[in-house]
Every structure is written in structure tokens, then in C-alpha cells.
């Protein structure tokens, strides 16, 4: 452990300075470019797009939505109510009367006649045929099938089940146990070899080399990003706020006051 810590310390000390230099030379300009892009392009573009979206929405509302709402409210809705009333009195009421007074009685009478004919022409002959012919025939077939099934079960037991049980007990089960023991031994050996040859070197590589390098690089990049933000705020944001507060707003107010005085003088 002491040797690993010493190696890690040497490696970290060797990587820290180049990582910080790289972060300061690359990340800080990138932070400046990002802040400049936000201030010059993205935020004004977002405001312009927001204004355009509001104007387009207003135009679409007054040119499309509002006329459609008025059309639906004052034209389509009254016409739909009138057509519904007309269809009810011209179609629904006559069809209901026809179904109640004509079709329902005719359907009940037809169903009664059909049931009576089916009983006389189909049910009674089938009942006689089943009682006097099909029932004895089915009983004989059942007895025959029972005898055949008993014979086939005896043959299957003595020709298939018993030989398979003997084969499993005296051949397949011992072979399977031996193969399982052999495979488990091979798996344990392969696991130990993989641990010694792969896992241990990978853990050592990660612990001693990769993790310290990546950690120092990440810290350097984060520190450089924060430094770039502070420099941007100190060199750009604060002077701009001061100019806007101390120069632009007073000058704007003074120009507005002068223009009001000139307008008042011209009007007076």
C-alpha cells in the first residue's frame, strides 16, 4: 500500500502541472467564447424569436382561430341543432314506430314459428336416432378404445419407460455427474486464471494510473472553468453594468429631458 501511494503521489505530481496548464490554455478561452456567444448571439436571438412567436400567434388567432370560433358559434351550432330536430322528427320517430308496431311483432311470430319447425323437423328425429342407434354404437366404441388403450399402455411401459429408466439410472446420471464435476473444476480454474491475469492488472492500472490522471484532469478543468467565469464577470460584466448604470441611463434620461423641453418649447 505504501508503494502504491508513493507511485500515485509521483504520478499525480507529474500530471498536475500539465493538466492545469492545458485547462488554463483551453478551458478559459472556451469559457470566454461561451459567455460571448451567450451575450451577443443566443440571448438576443432568443428575444427576437420570442417576439416573432408572439406576433405570429396573434396573427394566427385573429386570422384563423377567431373566425373559426365565430363560424362554429353562430353558424354551425344552430344549423346542427336544426338538423338534429329535423332528423328526429323525420327519421327516428317513424323508425321507432315501425319497429315497435310492425317489426317487433313480426319478429316474435317468425321466431316462434322457426322454433316450432326446428323442434318438429330436427330435434325429435335426432333424439330418436341418438337413443336407438348412436348410443349403443358409442358404448361399443368406448369398450373397444378402452381395451386398445390398456394394451398400448402395457407395451409403452415395458418397451419405452422401463428401458429409459434403466438407461437414466445406470448410464446418463453417472455420466452427467462426472461431466458436471469436470465442468465445475474447469470453471473454477478459469475464474482463478481470469482473476490473476485480467482483474488484478486492470484494478492496479485503474487505481495507480487512470484514476489519478482523470481526477487531476477533472479538477483542473473545473477550476479553470470557474476562473474563466470570474475573469469574465470581472472584465466584462461589471464594467458593462457600471457603464449602463453610470453613463447610459443618465445620458438617456438627460436626452429624454432635453427632447421633452424642445417639444414643449415648439408646442408652446
Protein backbone atom coordinates (compact mmCIF):
# COMPACT_ATOMS: atom_id res chain seq x y z
CA UNK A 1 0.00 0.00 0.00
CA UNK A 2 2.83 2.42 0.80
CA UNK A 3 4.46 1.72 -2.55
CA UNK A 4 1.15 2.27 -4.38
CA UNK A 5 0.60 5.57 -2.52
CA UNK A 6 4.14 6.68 -3.37
CA UNK A 7 3.67 5.75 -7.03
CA UNK A 8 0.31 7.52 -7.08
CA UNK A 9 1.82 10.64 -5.49
CA UNK A 10 4.65 10.79 -8.03
CA UNK A 11 2.24 10.25 -10.90
CA UNK A 12 -0.17 12.92 -9.61
CA UNK A 13 2.66 15.41 -9.16
CA UNK A 14 3.84 14.63 -12.67
CA UNK A 15 0.38 15.06 -14.22
CA UNK A 16 -0.95 18.02 -12.16
CA UNK A 17 1.05 20.84 -13.77
CA UNK A 18 0.44 19.81 -17.45
CA UNK A 19 -3.24 19.24 -16.68
CA UNK A 20 -3.63 22.69 -15.11
CA UNK A 21 -1.73 24.34 -17.93
CA UNK A 22 -3.88 22.58 -20.52
CA UNK A 23 -7.05 23.59 -18.66
CA UNK A 24 -6.00 27.24 -18.41
CA UNK A 25 -4.95 27.43 -22.05
CA UNK A 26 -8.02 25.64 -23.43
CA UNK A 27 -10.91 25.83 -20.95
CA UNK A 28 -10.62 29.53 -20.09
CA UNK A 29 -10.80 30.66 -23.76
CA UNK A 30 -13.67 28.26 -24.27
CA UNK A 31 -15.47 29.83 -21.28
CA UNK A 32 -14.87 33.29 -22.75
CA UNK A 33 -16.23 32.19 -26.14
CA UNK A 34 -19.28 30.63 -24.47
CA UNK A 35 -20.09 33.78 -22.47
CA UNK A 36 -19.55 35.95 -25.57
CA UNK A 37 -21.82 33.69 -27.62
CA UNK A 38 -24.50 33.90 -24.93
CA UNK A 39 -24.28 37.68 -24.67
CA UNK A 40 -24.02 38.50 -28.39
CA UNK A 41 -25.95 35.79 -30.21
CA UNK A 42 -28.07 33.43 -28.16
CA UNK A 43 -29.88 35.80 -25.80
CA UNK A 44 -30.73 38.45 -28.47
CA UNK A 45 -31.76 35.68 -30.84
CA UNK A 46 -33.99 34.20 -28.13
CA UNK A 47 -35.67 37.57 -27.54
CA UNK A 48 -36.23 38.07 -31.28
CA UNK A 49 -37.68 34.57 -31.65
CA UNK A 50 -39.94 35.12 -28.64
CA UNK A 51 -41.24 38.39 -30.13
CA UNK A 52 -41.80 36.75 -33.51
CA UNK A 53 -43.64 33.85 -31.89
CA UNK A 54 -45.95 36.27 -30.03
CA UNK A 55 -46.69 38.24 -33.18
CA UNK A 56 -47.30 35.11 -35.27
CA UNK A 57 -49.60 33.77 -32.56
CA UNK A 58 -51.60 36.96 -32.54
CA UNK A 59 -51.90 36.99 -36.33
CA UNK A 60 -52.97 33.35 -36.41
CA UNK A 61 -55.52 33.94 -33.66
CA UNK A 62 -57.20 36.89 -35.40
CA UNK A 63 -56.99 35.41 -38.91
CA UNK A 64 -57.78 31.73 -38.23
CA UNK A 65 -58.94 30.89 -34.71
CA UNK A 66 -61.33 33.79 -34.09
CA UNK A 67 -63.19 33.41 -37.46
CA UNK A 68 -63.48 29.64 -36.92
CA UNK A 69 -64.85 30.18 -33.41
CA UNK A 70 -67.43 32.66 -34.68
CA UNK A 71 -68.38 30.34 -37.54
CA UNK A 72 -68.85 27.44 -35.15
CA UNK A 73 -70.77 29.50 -32.60
CA UNK A 74 -73.16 31.43 -34.87
CA UNK A 75 -73.49 29.18 -37.97
CA UNK A 76 -72.57 25.53 -37.42
CA UNK A 77 -74.11 25.13 -33.95
CA UNK A 78 -77.61 26.49 -34.90
CA UNK A 79 -77.58 24.51 -38.16
CA UNK A 80 -76.60 21.34 -36.27
CA UNK A 81 -79.42 21.79 -33.74
CA UNK A 82 -81.94 22.39 -36.53
CA UNK A 83 -80.77 19.34 -38.50
CA UNK A 84 -80.89 17.20 -35.34
CA UNK A 85 -84.51 18.21 -34.67
CA UNK A 86 -85.46 17.64 -38.32
CA UNK A 87 -83.80 14.20 -38.40
CA UNK A 88 -85.51 13.21 -35.15
CA UNK A 89 -88.99 14.01 -36.42
CA UNK A 90 -88.42 12.70 -39.98
CA UNK A 91 -86.31 9.57 -39.31
CA UNK A 92 -86.04 8.49 -35.68
CA UNK A 93 -89.72 8.80 -34.69
CA UNK A 94 -91.06 6.94 -37.81
CA UNK A 95 -88.43 4.18 -37.47
CA UNK A 96 -89.22 3.75 -33.77
CA UNK A 97 -92.95 3.47 -34.51
CA UNK A 98 -92.26 0.98 -37.34
CA UNK A 99 -90.02 -1.16 -35.13
CA UNK A 100 -92.45 -1.12 -32.21
CA UNK A 101 -95.70 -1.69 -34.12
CA UNK A 102 -94.61 -3.82 -37.12
CA UNK A 103 -91.09 -5.33 -36.94
CA UNK A 104 -91.15 -6.46 -33.31
CA UNK A 105 -94.47 -8.39 -33.55
CA UNK A 106 -93.41 -9.88 -36.91
CA UNK A 107 -90.05 -10.95 -35.48
CA UNK A 108 -91.62 -12.60 -32.43
CA UNK A 109 -94.09 -14.51 -34.61
CA UNK A 110 -91.36 -15.63 -37.01
CA UNK A 111 -89.11 -16.77 -34.14
CA UNK A 112 -91.94 -18.79 -32.60
CA UNK A 113 -92.69 -20.47 -35.94
CA UNK A 114 -89.00 -21.20 -36.54
CA UNK A 115 -88.58 -22.77 -33.09
CA UNK A 116 -91.66 -24.98 -33.59
CA UNK A 117 -90.45 -26.17 -37.01
CA UNK A 118 -86.96 -26.90 -35.66
CA UNK A 119 -88.38 -28.93 -32.81
CA UNK A 120 -90.64 -30.99 -35.08
CA UNK A 121 -88.30 -31.43 -38.04
CA UNK A 122 -84.88 -31.68 -36.32
CA UNK A 123 -84.96 -32.24 -32.56
CA UNK A 124 -87.42 -35.18 -32.46
CA UNK A 125 -85.71 -37.21 -35.28
CA UNK A 126 -82.26 -36.59 -33.79
CA UNK A 127 -83.42 -37.67 -30.35
CA UNK A 128 -84.87 -40.93 -31.72
CA UNK A 129 -81.72 -41.61 -33.76
CA UNK A 130 -79.40 -40.98 -30.82
CA UNK A 131 -81.39 -43.16 -28.43
CA UNK A 132 -81.79 -46.16 -30.74
CA UNK A 133 -78.57 -46.12 -32.85
CA UNK A 134 -75.82 -43.74 -31.71
CA UNK A 135 -75.89 -44.58 -28.01
CA UNK A 136 -75.26 -48.37 -28.46
CA UNK A 137 -72.62 -47.67 -31.09
CA UNK A 138 -70.81 -45.20 -28.83
CA UNK A 139 -70.85 -47.69 -25.93
CA UNK A 140 -69.24 -50.37 -28.11
CA UNK A 141 -66.58 -47.96 -29.37
CA UNK A 142 -65.81 -46.91 -25.80
CA UNK A 143 -65.26 -50.54 -24.75
CA UNK A 144 -63.02 -51.15 -27.77
CA UNK A 145 -60.97 -47.99 -27.15
CA UNK A 146 -60.53 -48.91 -23.50
CA UNK A 147 -59.11 -52.33 -24.44
CA UNK A 148 -56.78 -50.82 -27.06
CA UNK A 149 -55.58 -48.15 -24.61
CA UNK A 150 -54.81 -50.76 -21.96
CA UNK A 151 -52.74 -52.78 -24.44
CA UNK A 152 -50.85 -49.73 -25.68
CA UNK A 153 -50.11 -48.60 -22.11
CA UNK A 154 -48.65 -52.05 -21.27
CA UNK A 155 -46.50 -52.03 -24.41
CA UNK A 156 -45.30 -48.45 -23.79
CA UNK A 157 -44.39 -49.26 -20.19
CA UNK A 158 -42.36 -52.37 -20.98
CA UNK A 159 -40.85 -51.20 -24.27
CA UNK A 160 -40.13 -47.49 -23.53
CA UNK A 161 -40.45 -46.44 -19.90
CA UNK A 162 -38.55 -49.31 -18.25
CA UNK A 163 -35.58 -49.19 -20.73
CA UNK A 164 -35.37 -45.38 -20.41
CA UNK A 165 -35.38 -45.61 -16.60
CA UNK A 166 -32.56 -48.19 -16.68
CA UNK A 167 -30.59 -46.08 -19.15
CA UNK A 168 -31.01 -42.97 -16.98
CA UNK A 169 -30.12 -44.69 -13.70
CA UNK A 170 -27.06 -46.65 -14.83
CA UNK A 171 -25.68 -44.55 -17.76
CA UNK A 172 -26.89 -40.97 -18.11
CA UNK A 173 -26.97 -39.96 -14.45
CA UNK A 174 -23.37 -41.13 -13.68
CA UNK A 175 -22.10 -39.53 -16.91
CA UNK A 176 -23.90 -36.29 -16.08
CA UNK A 177 -22.48 -36.13 -12.56
CA UNK A 178 -18.98 -36.73 -13.93
CA UNK A 179 -19.38 -34.07 -16.61
CA UNK A 180 -20.78 -31.62 -14.05
CA UNK A 181 -17.82 -32.20 -11.73
CA UNK A 182 -15.40 -31.71 -14.65
CA UNK A 183 -17.12 -28.50 -15.81
CA UNK A 184 -17.22 -27.07 -12.29
CA UNK A 185 -13.49 -27.73 -11.92
CA UNK A 186 -12.77 -26.08 -15.26
CA UNK A 187 -14.96 -23.09 -14.33
CA UNK A 188 -13.16 -22.62 -11.01
CA UNK A 189 -9.77 -22.82 -12.74
CA UNK A 190 -10.85 -20.38 -15.46
CA UNK A 191 -12.17 -17.96 -12.83
CA UNK A 192 -8.94 -18.02 -10.88
CA UNK A 193 -6.92 -17.54 -14.08
CA UNK A 194 -9.12 -14.62 -15.17
CA UNK A 195 -8.79 -13.01 -11.74
CA UNK A 196 -4.99 -13.35 -11.72
CA UNK A 197 -4.38 -12.46 -15.38
CA UNK A 198 -7.10 -9.86 -16.05
CA UNK A 199 -8.88 -8.48 -12.97
CA UNK A 200 -5.83 -7.80 -10.81
CA UNK A 201 -3.86 -5.98 -13.58
CA UNK A 202 -6.95 -3.93 -14.54
CA UNK A 203 -7.59 -2.92 -10.92
CA UNK A 204 -3.95 -1.95 -10.47
CA UNK A 205 -3.99 0.04 -13.75
CA UNK A 206 -7.14 1.89 -12.73
CA UNK A 207 -6.01 2.56 -9.15
CA UNK A 208 -2.45 3.60 -9.89
CA UNK A 209 -2.64 5.22 -13.36
CA UNK A 210 -6.05 6.04 -14.79
CA UNK A 211 -7.96 7.25 -11.72
CA UNK A 212 -5.30 9.75 -10.50
CA UNK A 213 -4.81 11.15 -14.02
CA UNK A 214 -8.54 11.54 -14.68
CA UNK A 215 -9.14 13.00 -11.21
CA UNK A 216 -6.45 15.66 -11.62
CA UNK A 217 -7.60 16.48 -15.13
CA UNK A 218 -11.21 16.86 -13.99
CA UNK A 219 -10.22 19.07 -11.07
CA UNK A 220 -8.05 21.24 -13.34
CA UNK A 221 -10.84 21.65 -15.90
CA UNK A 222 -13.43 22.54 -13.22
CA UNK A 223 -11.05 25.05 -11.59
CA UNK A 224 -10.20 26.64 -14.95
CA UNK A 225 -13.91 26.89 -15.85
CA UNK A 226 -14.63 28.72 -12.56
CA UNK A 227 -11.62 31.00 -13.05
CA UNK A 228 -12.76 31.84 -16.58
CA UNK A 229 -16.22 32.74 -15.28
CA UNK A 230 -14.75 35.01 -12.60
CA UNK A 231 -12.46 36.72 -15.13
CA UNK A 232 -15.40 37.24 -17.50
CA UNK A 233 -17.53 38.76 -14.74
CA UNK A 234 -14.66 40.99 -13.58
CA UNK A 235 -13.54 42.19 -17.02
CA UNK A 236 -16.85 42.35 -18.93
CA UNK A 237 -19.98 42.07 -16.80
CA UNK A 238 -19.07 44.50 -14.01
CA UNK A 239 -17.70 47.24 -16.36
CA UNK A 240 -20.75 46.88 -18.60
CA UNK A 241 -23.11 47.20 -15.63
CA UNK A 242 -21.19 50.23 -14.37
CA UNK A 243 -21.31 51.89 -17.83
CA UNK A 244 -25.01 51.16 -18.13
CA UNK A 245 -25.78 52.46 -14.64
CA UNK A 246 -23.43 55.45 -14.50
CA UNK A 247 -23.29 56.56 -18.17
CA UNK A 248 -26.05 55.09 -20.35
CA UNK A 249 -29.05 55.55 -18.08
CA UNK A 250 -28.15 59.15 -17.02
CA UNK A 251 -27.38 60.07 -20.64
CA UNK A 252 -30.64 58.51 -21.78
CA UNK A 253 -32.59 60.35 -19.09
CA UNK A 254 -30.89 63.65 -19.97
CA UNK A 255 -31.56 63.23 -23.70
CA UNK A 256 -35.19 62.39 -22.92
CA UNK A 257 -35.48 65.51 -20.74
CA UNK A 258 -33.93 67.71 -23.47
CA UNK A 259 -36.30 66.28 -26.07
CA UNK A 260 -39.27 66.96 -23.82
CA UNK A 261 -38.13 70.53 -23.28
CA UNK A 262 -37.66 71.02 -27.05
CA UNK A 263 -41.09 69.54 -27.75
CA UNK A 264 -42.67 71.74 -25.07
CA UNK A 265 -40.93 74.80 -26.49
CA UNK A 266 -42.05 74.01 -30.05
CA UNK A 267 -45.62 73.36 -28.97
CA UNK A 268 -45.73 76.46 -26.81
